[in-house]
Amino acid sequence: MQDSKNTIAGWVLAGGICALGLSIVSGKVFHADKPERPEKLGYVIEGVVSSEGEGGAAEVPIETLLASADPAKGEKVFAKCSSCHSINSGGANGIGPNLYGVLGKPHASVAGFAYSDALKSKSGPWTFQEMNKWLTSPKAYADGTKMSFAGLGKAEDRANLMAWMNTQSASPLPLPAAPAAEAAPAAEGAASTEDPAAAAAADDAAAAGAVAAPTGG
């Protein structure tokens, strides 16, 4: 009787082990068939540009900003420069050169000032466009410059400053023309807005006229 009980218990234990083994194996099989969750949900549609990580309005041209610049505000911006530069006629050089009438003059043109080789290597005059680049980042404009000023990040501040600096001159430069706005193609606009019914009526009238007109002889 005892042997019979041991045999039954053995079969029960073996069955339990088999069931556990089958459960583990089947779990691995079904997990292998299950797709992994993608890191980024969704899929790419051809021809559609994602705006993620992109954007930002296009920068307004400095010429456009100069047209509406405020020299009075520019004088306040110059306060950041006044610790190194004078801008009055005949003013002395400081840590930086005197800036009176600088717009329109050649680069590194102030007598008696020891310019860096980086700035002396720049040819041509200080135009509004060149001054805008310099004020944005002196180091990027002339790598090796002695000027430690980081630059003016706001384009409006640069425009206002240049407008005021231009007044500090015996011969102010004319402001550069702002670029014209891009015009929409008129022909396409006319074609797209044409009334189909009116066009059909015009075609019918033209055909009737052609039939009734004499052919000549």
C-alpha atoms as a PDB file:
ATOM      1  CA  MET A   1       0.000   0.000   0.000  1.00  0.00           C
ATOM      2  CA  GLN A   2       2.874   2.292   0.870  1.00  0.00           C
ATOM      3  CA  ASP A   3       4.544   1.572  -2.496  1.00  0.00           C
ATOM      4  CA  SER A   4       1.333   2.462  -4.308  1.00  0.00           C
ATOM      5  CA  LYS A   5       1.151   5.829  -2.529  1.00  0.00           C
ATOM      6  CA  ASN A   6       4.796   6.574  -3.348  1.00  0.00           C
ATOM      7  CA  THR A   7       4.172   5.719  -7.001  1.00  0.00           C
ATOM      8  CA  ILE A   8       1.172   8.062  -7.202  1.00  0.00           C
ATOM      9  CA  ALA A   9       3.096  10.874  -5.484  1.00  0.00           C
ATOM     10  CA  GLY A  10       5.961  10.361  -7.913  1.00  0.00           C
ATOM     11  CA  TRP A  11       3.654  10.630 -10.909  1.00  0.00           C
ATOM     12  CA  VAL A  12       2.028  13.778  -9.493  1.00  0.00           C
ATOM     13  CA  LEU A  13       5.441  15.361  -8.887  1.00  0.00           C
ATOM     14  CA  ALA A  14       6.622  14.433 -12.393  1.00  0.00           C
ATOM     15  CA  GLY A  15       3.448  15.871 -13.897  1.00  0.00           C
ATOM     16  CA  GLY A  16       3.938  19.117 -12.005  1.00  0.00           C
ATOM     17  CA  ILE A  17       7.522  19.390 -13.223  1.00  0.00           C
ATOM     18  CA  CYS A  18       6.425  18.772 -16.817  1.00  0.00           C
ATOM     19  CA  ALA A  19       3.666  21.421 -16.561  1.00  0.00           C
ATOM     20  CA  LEU A  20       6.141  23.962 -15.159  1.00  0.00           C
ATOM     21  CA  GLY A  21       8.607  23.233 -17.948  1.00  0.00           C
ATOM     22  CA  LEU A  22       5.952  23.598 -20.632  1.00  0.00           C
ATOM     23  CA  SER A  23       4.849  26.927 -19.116  1.00  0.00           C
ATOM     24  CA  ILE A  24       8.398  28.331 -19.221  1.00  0.00           C
ATOM     25  CA  VAL A  25       9.004  27.161 -22.798  1.00  0.00           C
ATOM     26  CA  SER A  26       5.687  28.488 -24.101  1.00  0.00           C
ATOM     27  CA  GLY A  27       6.298  31.854 -22.398  1.00  0.00           C
ATOM     28  CA  LYS A  28       9.628  32.246 -24.211  1.00  0.00           C
ATOM     29  CA  VAL A  29       8.087  31.278 -27.546  1.00  0.00           C
ATOM     30  CA  PHE A  30       5.217  33.771 -27.285  1.00  0.00           C
ATOM     31  CA  HIS A  31       7.522  36.513 -25.997  1.00  0.00           C
ATOM     32  CA  ALA A  32       9.769  36.039 -29.031  1.00  0.00           C
ATOM     33  CA  ASP A  33       6.795  36.551 -31.344  1.00  0.00           C
ATOM     34  CA  LYS A  34       5.687  39.723 -29.529  1.00  0.00           C
ATOM     35  CA  PRO A  35       7.148  42.873 -31.149  1.00  0.00           C
ATOM     36  CA  GLU A  36       9.167  45.230 -28.985  1.00  0.00           C
ATOM     37  CA  ARG A  37       7.690  48.672 -28.230  1.00  0.00           C
ATOM     38  CA  PRO A  38       9.436  51.223 -30.482  1.00  0.00           C
ATOM     39  CA  GLU A  39      11.355  54.030 -28.825  1.00  0.00           C
ATOM     40  CA  LYS A  40       9.440  56.585 -30.921  1.00  0.00           C
ATOM     41  CA  LEU A  41       5.791  55.908 -31.708  1.00  0.00           C
ATOM     42  CA  GLY A  42       4.449  56.456 -35.183  1.00  0.00           C
ATOM     43  CA  TYR A  43       6.055  56.147 -38.584  1.00  0.00           C
ATOM     44  CA  VAL A  44       7.489  58.469 -41.182  1.00  0.00           C
ATOM     45  CA  ILE A  45       5.285  59.584 -44.062  1.00  0.00           C
ATOM     46  CA  GLU A  46       7.251  60.295 -47.212  1.00  0.00           C
ATOM     47  CA  GLY A  47       7.107  63.911 -48.303  1.00  0.00           C
ATOM     48  CA  VAL A  48       6.145  65.282 -44.875  1.00  0.00           C
ATOM     49  CA  VAL A  49       8.801  67.214 -42.975  1.00  0.00           C
ATOM     50  CA  SER A  50       8.769  66.847 -39.217  1.00  0.00           C
ATOM     51  CA  SER A  51       8.774  70.053 -37.215  1.00  0.00           C
ATOM     52  CA  GLU A  52      10.344  68.393 -34.162  1.00  0.00           C
ATOM     53  CA  GLY A  53      13.566  70.123 -33.243  1.00  0.00           C
ATOM     54  CA  GLU A  54      13.122  72.598 -36.076  1.00  0.00           C
ATOM     55  CA  GLY A  55      11.354  75.886 -36.503  1.00  0.00           C
ATOM     56  CA  GLY A  56      11.981  79.463 -35.595  1.00  0.00           C
ATOM     57  CA  ALA A  57      11.001  82.387 -37.745  1.00  0.00           C
ATOM     58  CA  ALA A  58      13.423  83.511 -40.415  1.00  0.00           C
ATOM     59  CA  GLU A  59      15.675  86.354 -39.279  1.00  0.00           C
ATOM     60  CA  VAL A  60      14.611  89.788 -40.467  1.00  0.00           C
ATOM     61  CA  PRO A  61      17.285  91.337 -42.748  1.00  0.00           C
ATOM     62  CA  ILE A  62      19.336  94.014 -41.017  1.00  0.00           C
ATOM     63  CA  GLU A  63      18.486  96.412 -43.870  1.00  0.00           C
ATOM     64  CA  THR A  64      14.790  96.101 -42.994  1.00  0.00           C
ATOM     65  CA  LEU A  65      15.478  96.755 -39.312  1.00  0.00           C
ATOM     66  CA  LEU A  66      17.652  99.776 -40.128  1.00  0.00           C
ATOM     67  CA  ALA A  67      14.765 101.387 -41.993  1.00  0.00           C
ATOM     68  CA  SER A  68      12.783 101.608 -38.741  1.00  0.00           C
ATOM     69  CA  ALA A  69      15.699 101.837 -36.298  1.00  0.00           C
ATOM     70  CA  ASP A  70      15.615 104.319 -33.407  1.00  0.00           C
ATOM     71  CA  PRO A  71      18.906 106.227 -32.920  1.00  0.00           C
ATOM     72  CA  ALA A  72      17.819 107.319 -29.429  1.00  0.00           C
ATOM     73  CA  LYS A  73      17.606 103.673 -28.382  1.00  0.00           C
ATOM     74  CA  GLY A  74      20.938 103.071 -30.102  1.00  0.00           C
ATOM     75  CA  GLU A  75      22.589 105.718 -27.933  1.00  0.00           C
ATOM     76  CA  LYS A  76      21.469 103.762 -24.868  1.00  0.00           C
ATOM     77  CA  VAL A  77      22.904 100.561 -26.337  1.00  0.00           C
ATOM     78  CA  PHE A  78      26.235 102.366 -26.853  1.00  0.00           C
ATOM     79  CA  ALA A  79      26.506 102.668 -23.062  1.00  0.00           C
ATOM     80  CA  LYS A  80      27.786  99.076 -23.191  1.00  0.00           C
ATOM     81  CA  CYS A  81      30.630 100.241 -25.446  1.00  0.00           C
ATOM     82  CA  SER A  82      31.510 103.544 -23.760  1.00  0.00           C
ATOM     83  CA  SER A  83      33.845 102.009 -21.197  1.00  0.00           C
ATOM     84  CA  CYS A  84      36.273 101.158 -24.036  1.00  0.00           C
ATOM     85  CA  HIS A  85      35.363 103.552 -26.876  1.00  0.00           C
ATOM     86  CA  SER A  86      34.818 107.267 -27.352  1.00  0.00           C
ATOM     87  CA  ILE A  87      32.745 108.410 -30.328  1.00  0.00           C
ATOM     88  CA  ASN A  88      33.086 112.211 -30.307  1.00  0.00           C
ATOM     89  CA  SER A  89      34.959 114.089 -33.010  1.00  0.00           C
ATOM     90  CA  GLY A  90      38.643 114.180 -32.139  1.00  0.00           C
ATOM     91  CA  GLY A  91      38.099 111.895 -29.154  1.00  0.00           C
ATOM     92  CA  ALA A  92      41.013 109.966 -27.719  1.00  0.00           C
ATOM     93  CA  ASN A  93      41.514 106.263 -28.145  1.00  0.00           C
ATOM     94  CA  GLY A  94      40.887 104.157 -25.079  1.00  0.00           C
ATOM     95  CA  ILE A  95      41.058 100.402 -24.723  1.00  0.00           C
ATOM     96  CA  GLY A  96      39.402 100.498 -28.130  1.00  0.00           C
ATOM     97  CA  PRO A  97      39.725 103.074 -30.925  1.00  0.00           C
ATOM     98  CA  ASN A  98      37.651 106.231 -31.240  1.00  0.00           C
ATOM     99  CA  LEU A  99      34.556 105.421 -33.303  1.00  0.00           C
ATOM    100  CA  TYR A 100      33.586 108.832 -34.674  1.00  0.00           C
ATOM    101  CA  GLY A 101      32.619 108.439 -38.331  1.00  0.00           C
ATOM    102  CA  VAL A 102      33.640 104.771 -38.315  1.00  0.00           C
ATOM    103  CA  LEU A 103      30.881 103.698 -40.732  1.00  0.00           C
ATOM    104  CA  GLY A 104      32.235 104.068 -44.244  1.00  0.00           C
ATOM    105  CA  LYS A 105      35.893 104.092 -43.153  1.00  0.00           C
ATOM    106  CA  PRO A 106      38.319 101.231 -43.913  1.00  0.00           C
ATOM    107  CA  HIS A 107      38.909  98.596 -41.257  1.00  0.00           C
ATOM    108  CA  ALA A 108      41.646  99.416 -38.732  1.00  0.00           C
ATOM    109  CA  SER A 109      41.962 103.007 -39.951  1.00  0.00           C
ATOM    110  CA  VAL A 110      42.244 105.031 -36.735  1.00  0.00           C
ATOM    111  CA  ALA A 111      45.735 106.475 -36.473  1.00  0.00           C
ATOM    112  CA  GLY A 112      47.769 105.595 -33.411  1.00  0.00           C
ATOM    113  CA  PHE A 113      45.703 102.576 -32.359  1.00  0.00           C
ATOM    114  CA  ALA A 114      47.362  99.156 -32.158  1.00  0.00           C
ATOM    115  CA  TYR A 115      44.882  96.919 -33.950  1.00  0.00           C
ATOM    116  CA  SER A 116      45.089  93.138 -33.898  1.00  0.00           C
ATOM    117  CA  ASP A 117      46.418  91.391 -36.979  1.00  0.00           C
ATOM    118  CA  ALA A 118      42.995  89.720 -37.311  1.00  0.00           C
ATOM    119  CA  LEU A 119      41.280  93.078 -37.802  1.00  0.00           C
ATOM    120  CA  LYS A 120      44.067  94.563 -39.915  1.00  0.00           C
ATOM    121  CA  SER A 121      43.629  91.652 -42.308  1.00  0.00           C
ATOM    122  CA  LYS A 122      40.048  92.732 -43.085  1.00  0.00           C
ATOM    123  CA  SER A 123      39.795  94.708 -46.323  1.00  0.00           C
ATOM    124  CA  GLY A 124      37.148  97.165 -47.462  1.00  0.00           C
ATOM    125  CA  PRO A 125      35.114  99.707 -45.494  1.00  0.00           C
ATOM    126  CA  TRP A 126      32.870  99.324 -42.484  1.00  0.00           C
ATOM    127  CA  THR A 127      29.511  98.952 -44.231  1.00  0.00           C
ATOM    128  CA  PHE A 128      26.314  98.397 -42.304  1.00  0.00           C
ATOM    129  CA  GLN A 129      26.456  94.722 -43.244  1.00  0.00           C
ATOM    130  CA  GLU A 130      30.061  94.315 -42.070  1.00  0.00           C
ATOM    131  CA  MET A 131      29.402  96.235 -38.854  1.00  0.00           C
ATOM    132  CA  ASN A 132      26.361  94.045 -38.212  1.00  0.00           C
ATOM    133  CA  LYS A 133      28.527  90.921 -38.439  1.00  0.00           C
ATOM    134  CA  TRP A 134      31.131  92.469 -36.133  1.00  0.00           C
ATOM    135  CA  LEU A 135      28.563  93.518 -33.535  1.00  0.00           C
ATOM    136  CA  THR A 136      26.950  90.072 -33.638  1.00  0.00           C
ATOM    137  CA  SER A 137      30.197  88.350 -32.647  1.00  0.00           C
ATOM    138  CA  PRO A 138      33.576  90.110 -32.851  1.00  0.00           C
ATOM    139  CA  LYS A 139      35.446  86.837 -32.347  1.00  0.00           C
ATOM    140  CA  ALA A 140      33.566  85.065 -35.140  1.00  0.00           C
ATOM    141  CA  TYR A 141      34.094  88.034 -37.457  1.00  0.00           C
ATOM    142  CA  ALA A 142      37.823  88.384 -36.768  1.00  0.00           C
ATOM    143  CA  ASP A 143      39.223  85.403 -34.894  1.00  0.00           C
ATOM    144  CA  GLY A 144      42.147  86.706 -32.867  1.00  0.00           C
ATOM    145  CA  THR A 145      40.694  90.151 -32.183  1.00  0.00           C
ATOM    146  CA  LYS A 146      41.694  91.872 -28.948  1.00  0.00           C
ATOM    147  CA  MET A 147      38.090  92.885 -28.329  1.00  0.00           C
ATOM    148  CA  SER A 148      36.647  90.768 -25.526  1.00  0.00           C
ATOM    149  CA  PHE A 149      33.032  91.910 -25.981  1.00  0.00           C
ATOM    150  CA  ALA A 150      30.814  88.885 -26.707  1.00  0.00           C
ATOM    151  CA  GLY A 151      28.485  90.738 -29.069  1.00  0.00           C
ATOM    152  CA  LEU A 152      24.867  91.869 -29.278  1.00  0.00           C
ATOM    153  CA  GLY A 153      22.464  88.992 -29.718  1.00  0.00           C
ATOM    154  CA  LYS A 154      19.367  91.078 -30.593  1.00  0.00           C
ATOM    155  CA  ALA A 155      19.290  92.283 -34.184  1.00  0.00           C
ATOM    156  CA  GLU A 156      17.090  95.235 -33.150  1.00  0.00           C
ATOM    157  CA  ASP A 157      19.809  96.431 -30.729  1.00  0.00           C
ATOM    158  CA  ARG A 158      22.417  96.219 -33.487  1.00  0.00           C
ATOM    159  CA  ALA A 159      20.212  98.159 -35.904  1.00  0.00           C
ATOM    160  CA  ASN A 160      19.474 100.882 -33.344  1.00  0.00           C
ATOM    161  CA  LEU A 161      23.145 101.143 -32.400  1.00  0.00           C
ATOM    162  CA  MET A 162      24.303 101.454 -36.010  1.00  0.00           C
ATOM    163  CA  ALA A 163      21.613 104.043 -36.726  1.00  0.00           C
ATOM    164  CA  TRP A 164      22.946 106.168 -33.856  1.00  0.00           C
ATOM    165  CA  MET A 165      26.617 105.592 -34.698  1.00  0.00           C
ATOM    166  CA  ASN A 166      25.855 106.752 -38.227  1.00  0.00           C
ATOM    167  CA  THR A 167      24.697 110.100 -36.831  1.00  0.00           C
ATOM    168  CA  GLN A 168      28.046 110.509 -35.075  1.00  0.00           C
ATOM    169  CA  SER A 169      29.815 111.448 -38.284  1.00  0.00           C
ATOM    170  CA  ALA A 170      30.538 114.457 -40.460  1.00  0.00           C
ATOM    171  CA  SER A 171      29.277 112.414 -43.446  1.00  0.00           C
ATOM    172  CA  PRO A 172      26.586 109.927 -42.384  1.00  0.00           C
ATOM    173  CA  LEU A 173      26.032 107.065 -44.811  1.00  0.00           C
ATOM    174  CA  PRO A 174      22.684 106.616 -46.559  1.00  0.00           C
ATOM    175  CA  LEU A 175      20.799 103.684 -45.094  1.00  0.00           C
ATOM    176  CA  PRO A 176      20.848 100.572 -47.290  1.00  0.00           C
ATOM    177  CA  ALA A 177      17.636  99.740 -49.125  1.00  0.00           C
ATOM    178  CA  ALA A 178      15.461  97.110 -47.501  1.00  0.00           C
ATOM    179  CA  PRO A 179      14.947  94.008 -49.665  1.00  0.00           C
ATOM    180  CA  ALA A 180      11.646  93.978 -51.564  1.00  0.00           C
ATOM    181  CA  ALA A 181       8.983  91.554 -50.415  1.00  0.00           C
ATOM    182  CA  GLU A 182       8.614  88.525 -52.636  1.00  0.00           C
ATOM    183  CA  ALA A 183       5.674  89.062 -55.014  1.00  0.00           C
ATOM    184  CA  ALA A 184       3.195  86.254 -55.629  1.00  0.00           C
ATOM    185  CA  PRO A 185       2.918  85.139 -59.279  1.00  0.00           C
ATOM    186  CA  ALA A 186      -0.002  87.148 -60.698  1.00  0.00           C
ATOM    187  CA  ALA A 187      -0.710  84.808 -63.603  1.00  0.00           C
ATOM    188  CA  GLU A 188      -1.164  81.804 -61.335  1.00  0.00           C
ATOM    189  CA  GLY A 189      -3.443  83.772 -59.011  1.00  0.00           C
ATOM    190  CA  ALA A 190      -5.622  84.910 -61.908  1.00  0.00           C
ATOM    191  CA  ALA A 191      -5.908  81.399 -63.306  1.00  0.00           C
ATOM    192  CA  SER A 192      -6.803  79.873 -59.958  1.00  0.00           C
ATOM    193  CA  THR A 193      -9.537  82.437 -59.199  1.00  0.00           C
ATOM    194  CA  GLU A 194     -11.203  82.428 -62.633  1.00  0.00           C
ATOM    195  CA  ASP A 195     -14.896  81.503 -62.546  1.00  0.00           C
ATOM    196  CA  PRO A 196     -15.382  78.289 -64.613  1.00  0.00           C
ATOM    197  CA  ALA A 197     -18.964  79.287 -65.570  1.00  0.00           C
ATOM    198  CA  ALA A 198     -17.882  82.718 -66.792  1.00  0.00           C
ATOM    199  CA  ALA A 199     -15.047  81.158 -68.789  1.00  0.00           C
ATOM    200  CA  ALA A 200     -17.438  78.701 -70.449  1.00  0.00           C
ATOM    201  CA  ALA A 201     -19.841  81.523 -71.352  1.00  0.00           C
ATOM    202  CA  ALA A 202     -17.002  83.538 -72.867  1.00  0.00           C
ATOM    203  CA  ASP A 203     -15.916  80.525 -74.955  1.00  0.00           C
ATOM    204  CA  ASP A 204     -19.491  80.013 -76.259  1.00  0.00           C
ATOM    205  CA  ALA A 205     -19.779  83.696 -77.218  1.00  0.00           C
ATOM    206  CA  ALA A 206     -16.473  83.567 -79.054  1.00  0.00           C
ATOM    207  CA  ALA A 207     -17.539  80.446 -80.976  1.00  0.00           C
ATOM    208  CA  ALA A 208     -20.848  82.036 -82.023  1.00  0.00           C
ATOM    209  CA  GLY A 209     -19.038  85.132 -83.231  1.00  0.00           C
ATOM    210  CA  ALA A 210     -16.650  83.041 -85.294  1.00  0.00           C
ATOM    211  CA  VAL A 211     -19.568  81.303 -87.065  1.00  0.00           C
ATOM    212  CA  ALA A 212     -21.459  84.538 -87.870  1.00  0.00           C
ATOM    213  CA  ALA A 213     -18.403  86.501 -89.054  1.00  0.00           C
ATOM    214  CA  PRO A 214     -17.876  86.817 -92.845  1.00  0.00           C
ATOM    215  CA  THR A 215     -14.960  84.923 -94.296  1.00  0.00           C
ATOM    216  CA  GLY A 216     -14.040  87.587 -96.836  1.00  0.00           C
ATOM    217  CA  GLY A 217     -13.400  87.047-100.511  1.00  0.00           C
END
